[in-house]
Amino acid sequence: KQWYQRRVAITAGMTESATSESEGSETSAERAPTPVKSSWPALLNDDMEDNEEEENVREDGEGSESSNKDSKGTKAESLSEEDAQTLVDTSINEDDKAPFHSPFEGTINLSMTAKEAISSQPPSHKGFLTIFQDESGLGAWNRRWCSVQDNKIYYWLYPEDEVNQNKQPHGEIDLRNCKTETVSIASRLDCARPNTFVLVIMQAAQPGDRASIITESNGKTTQTKYMLSADSREERKQWMEVLNKCLQSVISWNH
């Protein structure tokens, strides 16, 4: 509005100057420039300066607003990153995945082998047992020196044969093939001999296996029924306790 008023004043001054010159004033050529004419450039400069100041103020305001927006945007980005991180941390299922930044995240392949530690503290027992055996198609009770080692019952004719390394066992009973889960006293119907217990062994049929008083074979498997008699009731209990421990170990390891 001020600029418009100044333009009106300048235009009026120029009109008056032109009228005075047209009347033929003699002294018009020698007359000094009117103050209105001399103020025209100054007024324009003032207007331009005012406009520049207004533009500068406007640009400063826009710059401050943009800087505020940038700072707000940076905060928003940082907050969004933190929120995303929080979402990642909270989305982890402790039962299915490893914790965040865990070096064990991924797949681990493991292989494991298990072996029965028989040699650490194996059940062992030694003593005489009378074993019912097949001899030429007839049954006979033979007294043998027996030793439980490595889930097997080895037996010799005499105790000194066990110490003598040149003497091989006269026979063995592999408890890992024992069908009997718990050693118990033999029924009076099966055996009238006191302090007798029974072990039933089943294994794959071998060439030369034949049916006998204590053995049954069907061509695929061979089952042997061992009856062992201790010298006394106390010895029978000791033998049964040791053998049951061996069988429990065999069953646990699923031999």
Protein backbone atom coordinates (compact mmCIF):
# COMPACT_ATOMS: atom_id res chain seq x y z
CA LYS A 1 0.00 0.00 0.00
CA GLN A 2 2.85 2.39 0.85
CA TRP A 3 4.55 1.51 -2.40
CA TYR A 4 1.36 2.28 -4.32
CA GLN A 5 0.98 5.68 -2.62
CA ARG A 6 4.57 6.55 -3.50
CA ARG A 7 3.99 5.60 -7.13
CA VAL A 8 0.91 7.85 -7.22
CA ALA A 9 2.89 10.76 -5.78
CA ILE A 10 5.71 10.25 -8.26
CA THR A 11 3.27 10.11 -11.19
CA ALA A 12 1.60 13.34 -10.08
CA GLY A 13 4.94 15.08 -9.83
CA MET A 14 5.94 13.99 -13.32
CA THR A 15 2.60 15.30 -14.70
CA GLU A 16 3.13 18.72 -13.11
CA SER A 17 6.63 18.92 -14.52
CA ALA A 18 5.43 18.13 -18.01
CA THR A 19 2.69 20.84 -17.78
CA SER A 20 5.13 23.51 -16.71
CA GLU A 21 7.46 22.69 -19.59
CA SER A 22 4.64 22.86 -22.15
CA GLU A 23 3.69 26.44 -21.11
CA GLY A 24 7.05 27.62 -22.42
CA SER A 25 8.68 28.72 -19.23
CA GLU A 26 12.03 30.27 -20.16
CA THR A 27 13.76 29.21 -17.09
CA SER A 28 12.68 25.57 -17.34
CA ALA A 29 16.00 24.53 -18.87
CA GLU A 30 18.00 26.24 -16.14
CA ARG A 31 15.68 25.03 -13.36
CA ALA A 32 17.22 22.44 -11.08
CA PRO A 33 15.57 18.97 -10.96
CA THR A 34 12.55 18.91 -8.77
CA PRO A 35 12.81 17.05 -5.44
CA VAL A 36 10.16 14.60 -6.68
CA LYS A 37 12.27 13.54 -9.66
CA SER A 38 15.39 13.19 -7.56
CA SER A 39 13.50 11.02 -4.99
CA TRP A 40 12.30 8.48 -7.65
CA PRO A 41 15.40 6.19 -7.58
CA ALA A 42 15.63 6.42 -3.80
CA LEU A 43 11.99 5.38 -3.45
CA LEU A 44 12.57 2.44 -5.78
CA ASN A 45 15.64 1.42 -3.81
CA ASP A 46 13.66 1.64 -0.57
CA ASP A 47 10.92 -0.48 -2.04
CA MET A 48 13.43 -3.06 -3.26
CA GLU A 49 15.15 -3.16 0.12
CA ASP A 50 11.80 -3.58 1.86
CA ASN A 51 10.90 -6.41 -0.50
CA GLU A 52 14.29 -8.06 0.04
CA GLU A 53 13.88 -7.82 3.83
CA GLU A 54 10.43 -9.36 3.61
CA GLU A 55 11.78 -12.18 1.41
CA ASN A 56 14.70 -12.75 3.80
CA VAL A 57 12.35 -12.89 6.76
CA ARG A 58 10.10 -15.29 4.85
CA GLU A 59 13.07 -17.50 3.86
CA ASP A 60 14.36 -17.50 7.43
CA GLY A 61 10.96 -18.60 8.65
CA GLU A 62 10.76 -21.33 6.02
CA GLY A 63 14.31 -22.46 6.86
CA SER A 64 13.56 -22.72 10.57
CA GLU A 65 10.39 -24.66 9.78
CA SER A 66 12.29 -27.04 7.47
CA SER A 67 15.03 -27.53 10.09
CA ASN A 68 12.38 -28.29 12.68
CA LYS A 69 10.79 -30.77 10.29
CA ASP A 70 14.18 -32.38 9.61
CA SER A 71 14.92 -32.69 13.31
CA LYS A 72 11.46 -34.14 13.91
CA GLY A 73 11.95 -36.55 11.00
CA THR A 74 15.32 -37.66 12.39
CA LYS A 75 13.77 -38.25 15.79
CA ALA A 76 10.93 -40.13 14.16
CA GLU A 77 13.41 -42.29 12.22
CA SER A 78 15.45 -42.99 15.34
CA LEU A 79 12.31 -43.83 17.25
CA SER A 80 11.13 -46.07 14.45
CA GLU A 81 14.47 -47.92 14.47
CA GLU A 82 14.28 -48.40 18.22
CA ASP A 83 10.69 -49.56 17.91
CA ALA A 84 11.72 -51.99 15.18
CA GLN A 85 14.56 -53.28 17.33
CA THR A 86 12.16 -53.69 20.22
CA LEU A 87 9.76 -55.57 17.98
CA VAL A 88 12.58 -57.87 16.85
CA ASP A 89 13.62 -58.54 20.43
CA THR A 90 10.08 -59.17 21.64
CA SER A 91 9.14 -61.34 18.65
CA ILE A 92 11.74 -63.97 19.57
CA ASN A 93 10.28 -67.12 21.02
CA GLU A 94 12.60 -68.34 23.79
CA ASP A 95 11.53 -71.93 23.18
CA ASP A 96 12.25 -71.91 19.41
CA LYS A 97 15.10 -69.46 18.82
CA ALA A 98 18.31 -68.37 20.45
CA PRO A 99 18.47 -64.91 22.10
CA PHE A 100 19.17 -61.89 19.88
CA HIS A 101 22.84 -61.54 18.86
CA SER A 102 23.50 -65.08 20.10
CA PRO A 103 26.46 -66.78 18.36
CA PHE A 104 24.53 -70.07 18.46
CA GLU A 105 21.66 -68.91 16.27
CA GLY A 106 21.19 -71.39 13.46
CA THR A 107 21.33 -75.17 13.06
CA ILE A 108 23.72 -77.44 14.93
CA ASN A 109 24.16 -81.04 13.84
CA LEU A 110 25.26 -83.45 16.55
CA SER A 111 26.13 -87.12 16.49
CA MET A 112 26.29 -89.19 19.65
CA THR A 113 27.24 -92.74 20.47
CA ALA A 114 26.50 -94.56 23.70
CA LYS A 115 28.29 -97.56 25.10
CA GLU A 116 27.63 -99.51 28.21
CA ALA A 117 30.43 -99.01 30.72
CA ILE A 118 30.65 -102.59 31.85
CA SER A 119 34.30 -102.45 32.85
CA SER A 120 33.82 -99.58 35.33
CA GLN A 121 32.03 -101.47 38.11
CA PRO A 122 30.51 -104.62 36.59
CA PRO A 123 28.49 -106.98 38.77
CA SER A 124 30.74 -109.93 39.47
CA HIS A 125 30.51 -113.04 41.52
CA LYS A 126 32.36 -116.31 41.74
CA GLY A 127 31.54 -119.68 43.21
CA PHE A 128 30.38 -123.19 42.53
CA LEU A 129 27.09 -123.88 40.78
CA THR A 130 25.62 -127.19 39.75
CA ILE A 131 24.36 -126.93 36.16
CA PHE A 132 21.81 -129.23 34.55
CA GLN A 133 23.25 -130.18 31.14
CA ASP A 134 22.49 -132.47 28.27
CA GLU A 135 24.85 -135.40 27.91
CA SER A 136 24.19 -137.83 25.09
CA GLY A 137 20.49 -137.10 25.15
CA LEU A 138 20.26 -137.53 28.88
CA GLY A 139 20.16 -134.91 31.59
CA ALA A 140 22.94 -134.66 34.17
CA TRP A 141 23.90 -132.31 36.98
CA ASN A 142 27.51 -131.16 36.73
CA ARG A 143 29.28 -129.09 39.36
CA ARG A 144 31.21 -126.21 37.79
CA TRP A 145 33.27 -123.23 38.95
CA CYS A 146 31.36 -120.19 37.69
CA SER A 147 32.35 -116.52 37.34
CA VAL A 148 30.14 -113.61 36.23
CA GLN A 149 32.06 -111.17 33.99
CA ASP A 150 30.88 -108.69 31.34
CA ASN A 151 27.26 -109.87 31.54
CA LYS A 152 28.29 -113.45 30.91
CA ILE A 153 28.57 -116.53 33.10
CA TYR A 154 31.82 -118.38 32.39
CA TYR A 155 32.33 -121.80 33.92
CA TRP A 156 35.32 -124.13 34.29
CA LEU A 157 35.84 -127.55 35.76
CA TYR A 158 38.00 -126.28 38.62
CA PRO A 159 38.74 -122.88 40.24
CA GLU A 160 42.44 -122.96 39.24
CA ASP A 161 41.42 -123.23 35.60
CA GLU A 162 40.18 -119.63 35.72
CA VAL A 163 43.61 -118.38 36.83
CA ASN A 164 45.43 -120.46 34.25
CA GLN A 165 45.42 -118.40 31.04
CA ASN A 166 46.01 -121.52 28.98
CA LYS A 167 42.66 -122.92 30.12
CA GLN A 168 39.67 -121.72 28.12
CA PRO A 169 36.25 -121.68 29.79
CA HIS A 170 34.41 -124.93 29.53
CA GLY A 171 31.35 -122.99 28.48
CA GLU A 172 29.52 -119.67 28.84
CA ILE A 173 25.99 -118.30 29.23
CA ASP A 174 25.44 -114.94 27.51
CA LEU A 175 23.04 -112.91 29.65
CA ARG A 176 22.55 -110.38 26.82
CA ASN A 177 20.44 -113.01 25.06
CA CYS A 178 18.53 -113.88 28.20
CA LYS A 179 14.78 -114.01 27.70
CA THR A 180 14.21 -114.08 31.44
CA GLU A 181 13.72 -110.55 32.77
CA THR A 182 13.94 -111.52 36.46
CA VAL A 183 15.72 -114.51 37.91
CA SER A 184 13.45 -116.52 40.20
CA ILE A 185 13.40 -119.84 41.97
CA ALA A 186 12.60 -122.84 39.79
CA SER A 187 9.21 -124.39 40.22
CA ARG A 188 8.99 -127.71 41.98
CA LEU A 189 7.29 -129.08 38.88
CA ASP A 190 10.35 -128.23 36.76
CA CYS A 191 13.01 -129.19 39.28
CA ALA A 192 12.87 -130.83 42.71
CA ARG A 193 16.46 -129.85 43.49
CA PRO A 194 16.58 -127.11 46.21
CA ASN A 195 18.14 -123.67 45.68
CA THR A 196 17.71 -123.87 41.90
CA PHE A 197 16.98 -120.91 39.62
CA VAL A 198 16.26 -120.80 35.88
CA LEU A 199 17.71 -118.80 32.97
CA VAL A 200 16.16 -118.98 29.48
CA ILE A 201 18.52 -117.94 26.66
CA MET A 202 17.25 -117.23 23.12
CA GLN A 203 19.57 -116.51 20.19
CA ALA A 204 19.73 -116.93 16.42
CA ALA A 205 20.03 -120.51 15.27
CA GLN A 206 23.55 -121.67 14.52
CA PRO A 207 24.69 -124.54 12.31
CA GLY A 208 24.73 -127.73 14.36
CA ASP A 209 21.98 -126.67 16.77
CA ARG A 210 19.66 -129.54 17.57
CA ALA A 211 16.82 -130.17 19.94
CA SER A 212 17.63 -131.76 23.28
CA ILE A 213 16.38 -131.99 26.84
CA ILE A 214 17.28 -128.32 27.51
CA THR A 215 17.29 -126.91 23.95
CA GLU A 216 14.56 -126.17 21.41
CA SER A 217 15.35 -125.05 17.85
CA ASN A 218 13.05 -124.18 14.94
CA GLY A 219 15.71 -123.36 12.38
CA LYS A 220 15.56 -119.59 13.02
CA THR A 221 16.04 -119.32 16.77
CA THR A 222 17.41 -121.60 19.45
CA GLN A 223 16.13 -121.51 23.01
CA THR A 224 18.07 -123.05 25.87
CA LYS A 225 16.77 -123.48 29.40
CA TYR A 226 19.52 -123.44 32.01
CA MET A 227 18.85 -124.69 35.54
CA LEU A 228 21.52 -123.72 38.06
CA SER A 229 21.61 -124.85 41.68
CA ALA A 230 23.57 -123.18 44.48
CA ASP A 231 25.09 -125.03 47.41
CA SER A 232 23.04 -123.13 50.01
CA ARG A 233 20.15 -120.74 50.34
CA GLU A 234 22.43 -117.77 51.09
CA GLU A 235 24.56 -118.46 48.01
CA ARG A 236 21.42 -118.74 45.91
CA LYS A 237 20.31 -115.30 47.07
CA GLN A 238 23.73 -113.84 46.25
CA TRP A 239 23.73 -115.37 42.78
CA MET A 240 20.20 -114.24 42.06
CA GLU A 241 20.96 -110.68 43.20
CA VAL A 242 24.04 -110.40 40.98
CA LEU A 243 22.30 -111.91 37.96
CA ASN A 244 19.28 -109.64 38.33
CA LYS A 245 21.58 -106.61 38.33
CA CYS A 246 23.18 -107.84 35.13
CA LEU A 247 19.80 -108.39 33.50
CA GLN A 248 18.62 -104.94 34.57
CA SER A 249 21.68 -103.41 32.95
CA VAL A 250 21.08 -105.41 29.77
CA ILE A 251 17.42 -104.37 29.61
CA SER A 252 18.27 -100.70 30.26
CA TRP A 253 20.71 -100.61 27.36
CA ASN A 254 18.41 -102.71 25.18
CA HIS A 255 20.99 -105.26 24.17
